[in-house]
Amino acid sequence: MGRGKVVIRRIDNSTNRQVTFSKRRNGLLKKAKELGILCDAEVGLIIFSSTGKLHEFASSSSMRSVIERYNKAQDESVQSPQNPASELKFWQTEAAILRQQLHNMQEDHRKLMGELYGLSVRDLQNLENQLEMSLRGIRMKKEQILIDQIQELTHKAYGTRDPNAVNGDTISPYDLSISEESHGHIHLQLSQPQPQNFSDLARALDST
């Protein structure tokens, strides 16, 4: 009389379940080892029992190398799909991402050009904050460029010697002032030195 068909379902009895686990685990590990030897295949097998105990087998030197090879193969399959269906899905996803990026850039450009229809109060407030931050950065950069240009011109006029220091005394030949009007225009002004500055400069030069 032949052996009856085994119903594949969870074994309720814990003892029978443990015995079955041990037998089938050993059989599975044996088959994995045979597959690696007979077919020259790299096999990795990981098993966690119901109690959380780890059982593993690797036909190569270590399980880590098998997992690294698996991860590398997964990355390559995503970047270069092997079958036409996967490749089509991959490029459809890429095209959708690019279309969304283009749409976002067009929306940002439209807002910056003053086309503000369809925006809520919160959207307008966020746009205003972004523009204010951008203007603040532009003004700071403009001021720094103007100051650098004045320093370069002063350096060329006085040579390598610092015109603001004579015998350790700080004498400013010109007063630099930067003012900003409410509408954002920046005014750079050089004021002439006070008369007493010339006398101080003369005495400093005589003492050298």
N, C-alpha and C. Protein backbone atom coordinates (compact mmCIF):
# COMPACT_ATOMS: atom_id res chain seq x y z
N MET A 1 0.85 -1.20 0.00
CA MET A 1 0.00 0.00 0.00
C MET A 1 0.88 1.23 0.00
N GLY A 2 0.62 2.17 -0.91
CA GLY A 2 1.45 3.36 -1.03
C GLY A 2 1.23 4.35 0.09
N ARG A 3 2.22 5.24 0.18
CA ARG A 3 2.15 6.28 1.20
C ARG A 3 1.13 7.33 0.81
N GLY A 4 0.34 7.75 1.78
CA GLY A 4 -0.68 8.75 1.50
C GLY A 4 -0.09 10.12 1.26
N LYS A 5 -0.82 10.94 0.57
CA LYS A 5 -0.38 12.30 0.26
C LYS A 5 -0.38 13.15 1.52
N VAL A 6 0.73 13.86 1.72
CA VAL A 6 0.88 14.71 2.90
C VAL A 6 0.26 16.07 2.62
N VAL A 7 -0.63 16.48 3.49
CA VAL A 7 -1.25 17.79 3.35
C VAL A 7 -0.28 18.86 3.86
N ILE A 8 0.00 19.83 3.02
CA ILE A 8 0.94 20.89 3.39
C ILE A 8 0.18 21.98 4.15
N ARG A 9 0.30 21.95 5.44
CA ARG A 9 -0.27 22.97 6.31
C ARG A 9 0.49 22.96 7.62
N ARG A 10 0.28 23.97 8.41
CA ARG A 10 1.02 24.10 9.67
C ARG A 10 0.70 22.93 10.59
N ILE A 11 1.75 22.37 11.20
CA ILE A 11 1.60 21.27 12.14
C ILE A 11 1.28 21.87 13.51
N ASP A 12 0.17 21.50 14.05
CA ASP A 12 -0.26 22.07 15.33
C ASP A 12 0.57 21.56 16.51
N ASN A 13 0.88 20.28 16.50
CA ASN A 13 1.64 19.71 17.61
C ASN A 13 3.08 20.22 17.56
N SER A 14 3.53 20.83 18.65
CA SER A 14 4.86 21.45 18.67
C SER A 14 5.97 20.42 18.54
N THR A 15 5.80 19.25 19.15
CA THR A 15 6.83 18.21 19.07
C THR A 15 6.96 17.70 17.63
N ASN A 16 5.83 17.36 17.02
CA ASN A 16 5.86 16.89 15.63
C ASN A 16 6.40 17.98 14.70
N ARG A 17 6.05 19.21 15.01
CA ARG A 17 6.52 20.32 14.17
C ARG A 17 8.03 20.45 14.24
N GLN A 18 8.61 20.29 15.42
CA GLN A 18 10.05 20.39 15.58
C GLN A 18 10.77 19.22 14.90
N VAL A 19 10.20 18.02 15.03
CA VAL A 19 10.80 16.85 14.37
C VAL A 19 10.78 17.01 12.86
N THR A 20 9.64 17.46 12.34
CA THR A 20 9.53 17.67 10.89
C THR A 20 10.49 18.76 10.41
N PHE A 21 10.62 19.80 11.21
CA PHE A 21 11.55 20.88 10.84
C PHE A 21 12.97 20.36 10.74
N SER A 22 13.39 19.56 11.71
CA SER A 22 14.76 19.04 11.71
C SER A 22 15.01 18.15 10.50
N LYS A 23 14.06 17.26 10.20
CA LYS A 23 14.24 16.36 9.08
C LYS A 23 14.29 17.11 7.75
N ARG A 24 13.35 17.98 7.53
CA ARG A 24 13.29 18.70 6.25
C ARG A 24 14.43 19.72 6.12
N ARG A 25 14.85 20.29 7.25
CA ARG A 25 16.01 21.21 7.20
C ARG A 25 17.24 20.47 6.75
N ASN A 26 17.48 19.29 7.34
CA ASN A 26 18.66 18.52 6.94
C ASN A 26 18.58 18.09 5.49
N GLY A 27 17.39 17.73 5.05
CA GLY A 27 17.24 17.35 3.65
C GLY A 27 17.46 18.52 2.71
N LEU A 28 16.98 19.68 3.11
CA LEU A 28 17.16 20.88 2.27
C LEU A 28 18.62 21.29 2.21
N LEU A 29 19.31 21.24 3.34
CA LEU A 29 20.74 21.57 3.35
C LEU A 29 21.54 20.58 2.51
N LYS A 30 21.16 19.30 2.56
CA LYS A 30 21.85 18.29 1.76
C LYS A 30 21.65 18.55 0.27
N LYS A 31 20.41 18.87 -0.13
CA LYS A 31 20.13 19.15 -1.53
C LYS A 31 20.87 20.39 -2.01
N ALA A 32 20.95 21.42 -1.15
CA ALA A 32 21.66 22.63 -1.54
C ALA A 32 23.15 22.35 -1.74
N LYS A 33 23.72 21.51 -0.86
CA LYS A 33 25.14 21.15 -1.00
C LYS A 33 25.37 20.35 -2.27
N GLU A 34 24.49 19.41 -2.55
CA GLU A 34 24.63 18.60 -3.76
C GLU A 34 24.49 19.45 -5.01
N LEU A 35 23.57 20.40 -4.98
CA LEU A 35 23.38 21.28 -6.14
C LEU A 35 24.63 22.09 -6.42
N GLY A 36 25.28 22.60 -5.36
CA GLY A 36 26.49 23.37 -5.54
C GLY A 36 27.63 22.55 -6.10
N ILE A 37 27.74 21.28 -5.65
CA ILE A 37 28.84 20.43 -6.10
C ILE A 37 28.59 19.91 -7.51
N LEU A 38 27.42 19.36 -7.77
CA LEU A 38 27.12 18.74 -9.06
C LEU A 38 27.07 19.75 -10.19
N CYS A 39 26.50 20.91 -9.95
CA CYS A 39 26.25 21.88 -11.02
C CYS A 39 27.19 23.08 -10.97
N ASP A 40 28.17 23.04 -10.07
CA ASP A 40 29.12 24.15 -9.92
C ASP A 40 28.38 25.48 -9.75
N ALA A 41 27.35 25.45 -8.93
CA ALA A 41 26.53 26.64 -8.68
C ALA A 41 26.89 27.24 -7.33
N GLU A 42 26.72 28.54 -7.24
CA GLU A 42 26.93 29.22 -5.95
C GLU A 42 25.58 29.29 -5.25
N VAL A 43 25.46 28.60 -4.15
CA VAL A 43 24.19 28.44 -3.45
C VAL A 43 24.30 29.07 -2.07
N GLY A 44 23.27 29.79 -1.69
CA GLY A 44 23.17 30.34 -0.35
C GLY A 44 21.79 30.03 0.22
N LEU A 45 21.77 29.44 1.39
CA LEU A 45 20.51 29.04 2.01
C LEU A 45 20.46 29.58 3.43
N ILE A 46 19.39 30.28 3.76
CA ILE A 46 19.20 30.86 5.09
C ILE A 46 17.86 30.40 5.63
N ILE A 47 17.87 29.86 6.83
CA ILE A 47 16.66 29.35 7.46
C ILE A 47 16.59 29.88 8.89
N PHE A 48 15.42 30.41 9.25
CA PHE A 48 15.13 30.79 10.63
C PHE A 48 14.02 29.88 11.13
N SER A 49 14.28 29.22 12.25
CA SER A 49 13.26 28.36 12.84
C SER A 49 12.19 29.20 13.52
N SER A 50 11.14 28.53 13.98
CA SER A 50 10.05 29.24 14.65
C SER A 50 10.51 29.87 15.96
N THR A 51 11.61 29.36 16.50
CA THR A 51 12.17 29.93 17.74
C THR A 51 13.17 31.04 17.46
N GLY A 52 13.43 31.32 16.18
CA GLY A 52 14.36 32.37 15.82
C GLY A 52 15.78 31.92 15.63
N LYS A 53 16.05 30.63 15.68
CA LYS A 53 17.41 30.14 15.50
C LYS A 53 17.79 30.14 14.03
N LEU A 54 19.03 30.57 13.75
CA LEU A 54 19.51 30.70 12.38
C LEU A 54 20.22 29.43 11.93
N HIS A 55 19.88 28.97 10.73
CA HIS A 55 20.59 27.87 10.07
C HIS A 55 20.92 28.35 8.66
N GLU A 56 22.16 28.18 8.24
CA GLU A 56 22.56 28.68 6.93
C GLU A 56 23.57 27.74 6.28
N PHE A 57 23.63 27.87 4.95
CA PHE A 57 24.60 27.11 4.17
C PHE A 57 25.02 27.96 2.98
N ALA A 58 26.32 28.01 2.72
CA ALA A 58 26.85 28.74 1.57
C ALA A 58 27.87 27.85 0.88
N SER A 59 27.69 27.67 -0.43
CA SER A 59 28.63 26.83 -1.18
C SER A 59 29.97 27.52 -1.39
N SER A 60 29.99 28.86 -1.27
CA SER A 60 31.24 29.60 -1.42
C SER A 60 31.91 29.75 -0.06
N SER A 61 32.85 30.68 0.01
CA SER A 61 33.62 30.83 1.24
C SER A 61 32.77 31.33 2.40
N SER A 62 31.81 32.20 2.13
CA SER A 62 30.99 32.74 3.21
C SER A 62 29.64 33.17 2.66
N MET A 63 28.68 33.28 3.58
CA MET A 63 27.36 33.76 3.20
C MET A 63 27.41 35.22 2.78
N ARG A 64 28.33 36.00 3.34
CA ARG A 64 28.44 37.42 3.00
C ARG A 64 28.72 37.61 1.51
N SER A 65 29.63 36.79 0.97
CA SER A 65 29.95 36.93 -0.45
C SER A 65 28.75 36.58 -1.33
N VAL A 66 27.95 35.61 -0.89
CA VAL A 66 26.75 35.25 -1.66
C VAL A 66 25.75 36.41 -1.65
N ILE A 67 25.57 37.02 -0.47
CA ILE A 67 24.63 38.13 -0.36
C ILE A 67 25.11 39.33 -1.17
N GLU A 68 26.41 39.62 -1.14
CA GLU A 68 26.95 40.73 -1.92
C GLU A 68 26.75 40.50 -3.42
N ARG A 69 26.95 39.27 -3.85
CA ARG A 69 26.73 38.95 -5.26
C ARG A 69 25.26 39.11 -5.63
N TYR A 70 24.39 38.71 -4.71
CA TYR A 70 22.94 38.85 -4.95
C TYR A 70 22.55 40.32 -5.06
N ASN A 71 23.04 41.15 -4.14
CA ASN A 71 22.72 42.58 -4.19
C ASN A 71 23.24 43.22 -5.48
N LYS A 72 24.44 42.83 -5.90
CA LYS A 72 25.00 43.37 -7.13
C LYS A 72 24.17 42.97 -8.34
N ALA A 73 23.71 41.73 -8.35
CA ALA A 73 22.87 41.26 -9.46
C ALA A 73 21.54 42.00 -9.48
N GLN A 74 20.98 42.29 -8.29
CA GLN A 74 19.73 43.03 -8.23
C GLN A 74 19.89 44.44 -8.76
N ASP A 75 20.99 45.11 -8.39
CA ASP A 75 21.25 46.48 -8.88
C ASP A 75 21.42 46.49 -10.39
N GLU A 76 22.14 45.51 -10.91
CA GLU A 76 22.35 45.46 -12.36
C GLU A 76 21.05 45.19 -13.10
N SER A 77 20.19 44.37 -12.52
CA SER A 77 18.92 44.08 -13.18
C SER A 77 18.00 45.29 -13.21
N VAL A 78 18.11 46.16 -12.19
CA VAL A 78 17.31 47.38 -12.17
C VAL A 78 17.83 48.38 -13.18
N GLN A 79 19.17 48.52 -13.24
CA GLN A 79 19.77 49.48 -14.15
C GLN A 79 19.69 49.01 -15.60
N SER A 80 19.83 47.71 -15.82
CA SER A 80 19.79 47.17 -17.19
C SER A 80 18.82 46.00 -17.24
N PRO A 81 17.55 46.27 -17.40
CA PRO A 81 16.57 45.18 -17.43
C PRO A 81 16.90 44.18 -18.53
N GLN A 82 16.68 42.89 -18.22
CA GLN A 82 17.04 41.82 -19.13
C GLN A 82 15.95 41.53 -20.15
N ASN A 83 14.69 41.62 -19.77
CA ASN A 83 13.62 41.29 -20.69
C ASN A 83 12.94 42.56 -21.18
N PRO A 84 12.32 42.50 -22.35
CA PRO A 84 11.70 43.70 -22.93
C PRO A 84 10.62 44.32 -22.04
N ALA A 85 9.84 43.48 -21.36
CA ALA A 85 8.77 44.03 -20.52
C ALA A 85 9.34 44.85 -19.37
N SER A 86 10.38 44.33 -18.73
CA SER A 86 11.01 45.07 -17.62
C SER A 86 11.68 46.33 -18.13
N GLU A 87 12.31 46.24 -19.30
CA GLU A 87 12.98 47.41 -19.87
C GLU A 87 11.97 48.50 -20.21
N LEU A 88 10.82 48.10 -20.77
CA LEU A 88 9.78 49.07 -21.10
C LEU A 88 9.25 49.74 -19.84
N LYS A 89 9.02 48.98 -18.80
CA LYS A 89 8.54 49.54 -17.54
C LYS A 89 9.57 50.49 -16.93
N PHE A 90 10.84 50.11 -17.03
CA PHE A 90 11.91 50.95 -16.50
C PHE A 90 11.93 52.31 -17.19
N TRP A 91 11.89 52.32 -18.52
CA TRP A 91 11.95 53.60 -19.25
C TRP A 91 10.66 54.40 -19.11
N GLN A 92 9.54 53.73 -18.94
CA GLN A 92 8.30 54.45 -18.67
C GLN A 92 8.38 55.18 -17.33
N THR A 93 8.96 54.52 -16.34
CA THR A 93 9.14 55.17 -15.02
C THR A 93 10.09 56.36 -15.13
N GLU A 94 11.19 56.18 -15.87
CA GLU A 94 12.14 57.28 -16.05
C GLU A 94 11.48 58.45 -16.77
N ALA A 95 10.70 58.17 -17.79
CA ALA A 95 10.03 59.24 -18.54
C ALA A 95 9.03 59.98 -17.66
N ALA A 96 8.32 59.25 -16.80
CA ALA A 96 7.35 59.89 -15.90
C ALA A 96 8.05 60.81 -14.92
N ILE A 97 9.21 60.39 -14.42
CA ILE A 97 9.98 61.22 -13.49
C ILE A 97 10.45 62.50 -14.18
N LEU A 98 10.96 62.37 -15.40
CA LEU A 98 11.44 63.54 -16.15
C LEU A 98 10.30 64.50 -16.48
N ARG A 99 9.13 63.95 -16.83
CA ARG A 99 7.98 64.81 -17.11
C ARG A 99 7.57 65.59 -15.87
N GLN A 100 7.61 64.95 -14.71
CA GLN A 100 7.24 65.64 -13.48
C GLN A 100 8.25 66.73 -13.15
N GLN A 101 9.53 66.45 -13.34
CA GLN A 101 10.55 67.46 -13.09
C GLN A 101 10.39 68.65 -14.03
N LEU A 102 10.10 68.37 -15.31
CA LEU A 102 9.88 69.45 -16.27
C LEU A 102 8.67 70.28 -15.89
N HIS A 103 7.62 69.63 -15.46
CA HIS A 103 6.41 70.35 -15.03
C HIS A 103 6.70 71.26 -13.84
N ASN A 104 7.46 70.76 -12.88
CA ASN A 104 7.79 71.57 -11.71
C ASN A 104 8.64 72.77 -12.09
N MET A 105 9.60 72.58 -13.00
CA MET A 105 10.43 73.70 -13.45
C MET A 105 9.60 74.73 -14.20
N GLN A 106 8.67 74.29 -15.01
CA GLN A 106 7.82 75.23 -15.74
C GLN A 106 6.93 76.02 -14.78
N GLU A 107 6.43 75.35 -13.76
CA GLU A 107 5.60 76.04 -12.77
C GLU A 107 6.42 77.10 -12.02
N ASP A 108 7.64 76.74 -11.63
CA ASP A 108 8.49 77.71 -10.94
C ASP A 108 8.82 78.90 -11.83
N HIS A 109 9.09 78.64 -13.11
CA HIS A 109 9.40 79.73 -14.05
C HIS A 109 8.18 80.63 -14.24
N ARG A 110 7.00 80.02 -14.33
CA ARG A 110 5.78 80.81 -14.49
C ARG A 110 5.54 81.73 -13.30
N LYS A 111 5.79 81.22 -12.10
CA LYS A 111 5.60 82.04 -10.90
C LYS A 111 6.60 83.19 -10.87
N LEU A 112 7.86 82.90 -11.23
CA LEU A 112 8.88 83.95 -11.20
C LEU A 112 8.62 85.02 -12.25
N MET A 113 7.94 84.67 -13.33
CA MET A 113 7.61 85.64 -14.37
C MET A 113 6.35 86.43 -14.05
N GLY A 114 5.74 86.19 -12.89
CA GLY A 114 4.61 86.97 -12.46
C GLY A 114 3.26 86.40 -12.80
N GLU A 115 3.22 85.20 -13.36
CA GLU A 115 1.94 84.56 -13.67
C GLU A 115 1.45 83.85 -12.41
N LEU A 116 0.66 84.54 -11.61
CA LEU A 116 0.30 84.08 -10.28
C LEU A 116 -1.14 83.58 -10.19
N TYR A 117 -1.79 83.37 -11.32
CA TYR A 117 -3.18 82.92 -11.25
C TYR A 117 -3.22 81.47 -10.75
N GLY A 118 -4.25 81.19 -9.98
CA GLY A 118 -4.43 79.84 -9.46
C GLY A 118 -3.68 79.56 -8.18
N LEU A 119 -2.96 80.55 -7.63
CA LEU A 119 -2.20 80.34 -6.41
C LEU A 119 -3.03 80.74 -5.20
N SER A 120 -2.88 79.98 -4.14
CA SER A 120 -3.56 80.30 -2.89
C SER A 120 -2.77 81.34 -2.11
N VAL A 121 -3.34 81.80 -1.02
CA VAL A 121 -2.65 82.79 -0.18
C VAL A 121 -1.36 82.20 0.38
N ARG A 122 -1.42 80.95 0.78
CA ARG A 122 -0.21 80.31 1.32
C ARG A 122 0.87 80.18 0.25
N ASP A 123 0.46 79.83 -0.98
CA ASP A 123 1.43 79.74 -2.07
C ASP A 123 2.07 81.09 -2.35
N LEU A 124 1.27 82.14 -2.33
CA LEU A 124 1.81 83.49 -2.56
C LEU A 124 2.76 83.89 -1.44
N GLN A 125 2.42 83.54 -0.20
CA GLN A 125 3.29 83.86 0.92
C GLN A 125 4.62 83.13 0.81
N ASN A 126 4.58 81.86 0.42
CA ASN A 126 5.82 81.10 0.24
C ASN A 126 6.66 81.69 -0.89
N LEU A 127 6.01 82.08 -1.98
CA LEU A 127 6.75 82.68 -3.09
C LEU A 127 7.37 84.00 -2.67
N GLU A 128 6.65 84.80 -1.91
CA GLU A 128 7.19 86.07 -1.42
C GLU A 128 8.41 85.85 -0.54
N ASN A 129 8.34 84.85 0.34
CA ASN A 129 9.48 84.56 1.21
C ASN A 129 10.70 84.11 0.39
N GLN A 130 10.46 83.30 -0.64
CA GLN A 130 11.56 82.86 -1.48
C GLN A 130 12.22 84.02 -2.21
N LEU A 131 11.38 84.92 -2.73
CA LEU A 131 11.93 86.08 -3.45
C LEU A 131 12.70 87.00 -2.51
N GLU A 132 12.20 87.19 -1.29
CA GLU A 132 12.91 88.04 -0.34
C GLU A 132 14.27 87.45 0.02
N MET A 133 14.31 86.15 0.21
CA MET A 133 15.59 85.50 0.51
C MET A 133 16.55 85.63 -0.67
N SER A 134 16.04 85.48 -1.88
CA SER A 134 16.90 85.61 -3.06
C SER A 134 17.42 87.04 -3.20
N LEU A 135 16.55 88.04 -3.00
CA LEU A 135 16.98 89.43 -3.08
C LEU A 135 18.01 89.76 -2.03
N ARG A 136 17.82 89.23 -0.82
CA ARG A 136 18.79 89.48 0.24
C ARG A 136 20.17 88.94 -0.14
N GLY A 137 20.17 87.76 -0.70
CA GLY A 137 21.45 87.18 -1.13
C GLY A 137 22.08 87.97 -2.26
N ILE A 138 21.27 88.46 -3.21
CA ILE A 138 21.80 89.25 -4.32
C ILE A 138 22.39 90.56 -3.83
N ARG A 139 21.72 91.22 -2.89
CA ARG A 139 22.23 92.49 -2.38
C ARG A 139 23.53 92.31 -1.62
N MET A 140 23.61 91.25 -0.83
CA MET A 140 24.85 90.97 -0.09
C MET A 140 26.00 90.70 -1.06
N LYS A 141 25.72 89.94 -2.12
CA LYS A 141 26.75 89.66 -3.11
C LYS A 141 27.16 90.93 -3.84
N LYS A 142 26.20 91.81 -4.16
CA LYS A 142 26.51 93.05 -4.85
C LYS A 142 27.36 93.96 -3.97
N GLU A 143 27.02 94.07 -2.69
CA GLU A 143 27.81 94.89 -1.78
C GLU A 143 29.23 94.36 -1.67
N GLN A 144 29.38 93.03 -1.59
CA GLN A 144 30.71 92.47 -1.46
C GLN A 144 31.55 92.72 -2.71
N ILE A 145 30.93 92.64 -3.89
CA ILE A 145 31.66 92.91 -5.13
C ILE A 145 32.12 94.36 -5.18
N LEU A 146 31.24 95.30 -4.77
CA LEU A 146 31.61 96.71 -4.77
C LEU A 146 32.76 96.99 -3.79
N ILE A 147 32.69 96.39 -2.63
CA ILE A 147 33.75 96.59 -1.64
C ILE A 147 35.06 96.01 -2.15
N ASP A 148 35.01 94.85 -2.78
CA ASP A 148 36.23 94.24 -3.32
C ASP A 148 36.84 95.10 -4.42
N GLN A 149 35.98 95.69 -5.26
CA GLN A 149 36.49 96.55 -6.32
C GLN A 149 37.16 97.80 -5.77
N ILE A 150 36.56 98.40 -4.72
CA ILE A 150 37.16 99.59 -4.11
C ILE A 150 38.49 99.25 -3.47
N GLN A 151 38.55 98.11 -2.79
CA GLN A 151 39.81 97.71 -2.18
C GLN A 151 40.88 97.44 -3.22
N GLU A 152 40.48 96.87 -4.35
CA GLU A 152 41.45 96.62 -5.42
C GLU A 152 41.96 97.92 -6.01
N LEU A 153 41.06 98.90 -6.22
CA LEU A 153 41.49 100.20 -6.74
C LEU A 153 42.40 100.92 -5.75
N THR A 154 42.07 100.85 -4.47
CA THR A 154 42.89 101.47 -3.44
C THR A 154 44.26 100.82 -3.39
N HIS A 155 44.30 99.51 -3.54
CA HIS A 155 45.57 98.78 -3.52
C HIS A 155 46.45 99.19 -4.70
N LYS A 156 45.82 99.37 -5.87
CA LYS A 156 46.58 99.80 -7.04
C LYS A 156 47.09 101.23 -6.87
N ALA A 157 46.29 102.10 -6.21
CA ALA A 157 46.68 103.49 -6.05
C ALA A 157 47.82 103.65 -5.05
N TYR A 158 47.84 102.87 -3.99
CA TYR A 158 48.83 103.01 -2.93
C TYR A 158 49.92 101.96 -3.01
N GLY A 159 49.87 101.06 -3.97
CA GLY A 159 50.87 100.02 -4.06
C GLY A 159 50.60 98.92 -3.06
N THR A 160 51.66 98.23 -2.68
CA THR A 160 51.51 97.12 -1.73
C THR A 160 51.35 97.60 -0.31
N ARG A 161 51.63 98.87 -0.03
CA ARG A 161 51.51 99.39 1.32
C ARG A 161 50.06 99.68 1.66
N ASP A 162 49.67 99.33 2.84
CA ASP A 162 48.30 99.55 3.28
C ASP A 162 48.08 101.03 3.51
N PRO A 163 47.18 101.67 2.75
CA PRO A 163 46.98 103.11 2.92
C PRO A 163 46.28 103.46 4.22
N ASN A 164 45.74 102.53 4.91
CA ASN A 164 44.99 102.82 6.12
C ASN A 164 45.83 102.70 7.38
N ALA A 165 47.09 102.31 7.23
CA ALA A 165 47.93 102.14 8.43
C ALA A 165 49.25 102.84 8.23
N VAL A 166 49.57 103.80 9.09
CA VAL A 166 50.83 104.51 9.09
C VAL A 166 51.39 104.46 10.49
N ASN A 167 52.56 103.77 10.68
CA ASN A 167 53.16 103.61 12.01
C ASN A 167 52.17 103.03 13.01
N GLY A 168 51.35 102.11 12.55
CA GLY A 168 50.42 101.47 13.46
C GLY A 168 49.16 102.26 13.72
N ASP A 169 49.09 103.53 13.26
CA ASP A 169 47.89 104.34 13.45
C ASP A 169 46.97 104.14 12.25
N THR A 170 45.71 103.96 12.54
CA THR A 170 44.73 103.76 11.48
C THR A 170 44.21 105.10 10.99
N ILE A 171 44.46 105.39 9.71
CA ILE A 171 44.01 106.64 9.10
C ILE A 171 43.24 106.28 7.84
N SER A 172 42.02 106.60 7.76
CA SER A 172 41.20 106.28 6.60
C SER A 172 41.16 107.46 5.66
N PRO A 173 41.75 107.35 4.45
CA PRO A 173 41.72 108.49 3.52
C PRO A 173 40.33 108.80 3.01
N TYR A 174 39.49 107.82 2.95
CA TYR A 174 38.12 108.03 2.50
C TYR A 174 37.19 107.24 3.39
N ASP A 175 36.00 107.79 3.55
CA ASP A 175 34.96 107.11 4.32
C ASP A 175 34.00 106.46 3.34
N LEU A 176 33.84 105.13 3.50
CA LEU A 176 32.96 104.37 2.63
C LEU A 176 31.63 104.15 3.33
N SER A 177 30.55 104.49 2.64
CA SER A 177 29.22 104.28 3.22
C SER A 177 28.34 103.63 2.16
N ILE A 178 27.60 102.62 2.60
CA ILE A 178 26.67 101.91 1.72
C ILE A 178 25.28 102.08 2.29
N SER A 179 24.38 102.60 1.50
CA SER A 179 23.00 102.80 1.96
C SER A 179 22.06 102.10 1.00
N GLU A 180 20.94 101.67 1.53
CA GLU A 180 19.96 100.95 0.74
C GLU A 180 18.59 101.60 0.91
N GLU A 181 17.98 101.95 -0.22
CA GLU A 181 16.66 102.56 -0.17
C GLU A 181 15.59 101.49 -0.02
N SER A 182 14.38 101.94 0.25
CA SER A 182 13.29 101.00 0.50
C SER A 182 12.98 100.13 -0.70
N HIS A 183 13.22 100.67 -1.93
CA HIS A 183 12.90 99.89 -3.12
C HIS A 183 14.05 99.01 -3.55
N GLY A 184 15.11 98.90 -2.74
CA GLY A 184 16.13 97.90 -3.00
C GLY A 184 17.38 98.41 -3.70
N HIS A 185 17.46 99.72 -4.11
CA HIS A 185 18.64 100.24 -4.76
C HIS A 185 19.74 100.50 -3.73
N ILE A 186 20.94 100.15 -4.09
CA ILE A 186 22.09 100.31 -3.19
C ILE A 186 22.92 101.48 -3.68
N HIS A 187 23.25 102.41 -2.78
CA HIS A 187 24.08 103.56 -3.11
C HIS A 187 25.41 103.43 -2.37
N LEU A 188 26.50 103.54 -3.11
CA LEU A 188 27.84 103.47 -2.57
C LEU A 188 28.46 104.85 -2.67
N GLN A 189 28.93 105.40 -1.56
CA GLN A 189 29.41 106.78 -1.55
C GLN A 189 30.74 106.86 -0.81
N LEU A 190 31.69 107.58 -1.45
CA LEU A 190 32.98 107.87 -0.82
C LEU A 190 32.98 109.34 -0.42
N SER A 191 33.15 109.60 0.85
CA SER A 191 33.18 110.98 1.32
C SER A 191 34.61 111.45 1.47
N GLN A 192 34.84 112.72 1.22
CA GLN A 192 36.17 113.29 1.33
C GLN A 192 36.63 113.30 2.79
N PRO A 193 37.93 113.16 3.03
CA PRO A 193 38.43 113.15 4.41
C PRO A 193 38.27 114.51 5.06
N GLN A 194 38.18 114.54 6.38
CA GLN A 194 38.12 115.76 7.15
C GLN A 194 39.49 116.44 7.15
N PRO A 195 39.54 117.77 7.31
CA PRO A 195 40.82 118.49 7.25
C PRO A 195 41.82 117.97 8.26
N GLN A 196 41.39 117.61 9.48
CA GLN A 196 42.35 117.18 10.48
C GLN A 196 43.04 115.88 10.08
N ASN A 197 42.42 115.11 9.17
CA ASN A 197 43.05 113.86 8.75
C ASN A 197 44.32 114.13 7.97
N PHE A 198 44.36 115.26 7.17
CA PHE A 198 45.56 115.60 6.42
C PHE A 198 46.70 115.97 7.36
N SER A 199 46.40 116.70 8.41
CA SER A 199 47.46 117.06 9.35
C SER A 199 47.98 115.85 10.09
N ASP A 200 47.07 114.97 10.45
CA ASP A 200 47.51 113.74 11.11
C ASP A 200 48.39 112.91 10.19
N LEU A 201 48.00 112.86 8.91
CA LEU A 201 48.78 112.10 7.95
C LEU A 201 50.15 112.73 7.74
N ALA A 202 50.21 114.07 7.69
CA ALA A 202 51.48 114.77 7.50
C ALA A 202 52.42 114.50 8.67
N ARG A 203 51.87 114.60 9.93
CA ARG A 203 52.72 114.34 11.08
C ARG A 203 53.20 112.90 11.10
N ALA A 204 52.36 111.98 10.66
CA ALA A 204 52.77 110.58 10.65
C ALA A 204 53.85 110.35 9.64
N LEU A 205 53.77 111.03 8.47
CA LEU A 205 54.79 110.85 7.46
C LEU A 205 56.11 111.50 7.86
N ASP A 206 56.06 112.67 8.60
CA ASP A 206 57.27 113.33 9.06
C ASP A 206 58.04 112.48 10.06
N SER A 207 57.27 111.72 10.85
CA SER A 207 57.92 110.92 11.88
C SER A 207 58.61 109.68 11.33
N THR A 208 58.32 109.35 10.06
CA THR A 208 58.95 108.15 9.47
C THR A 208 60.35 108.47 8.98
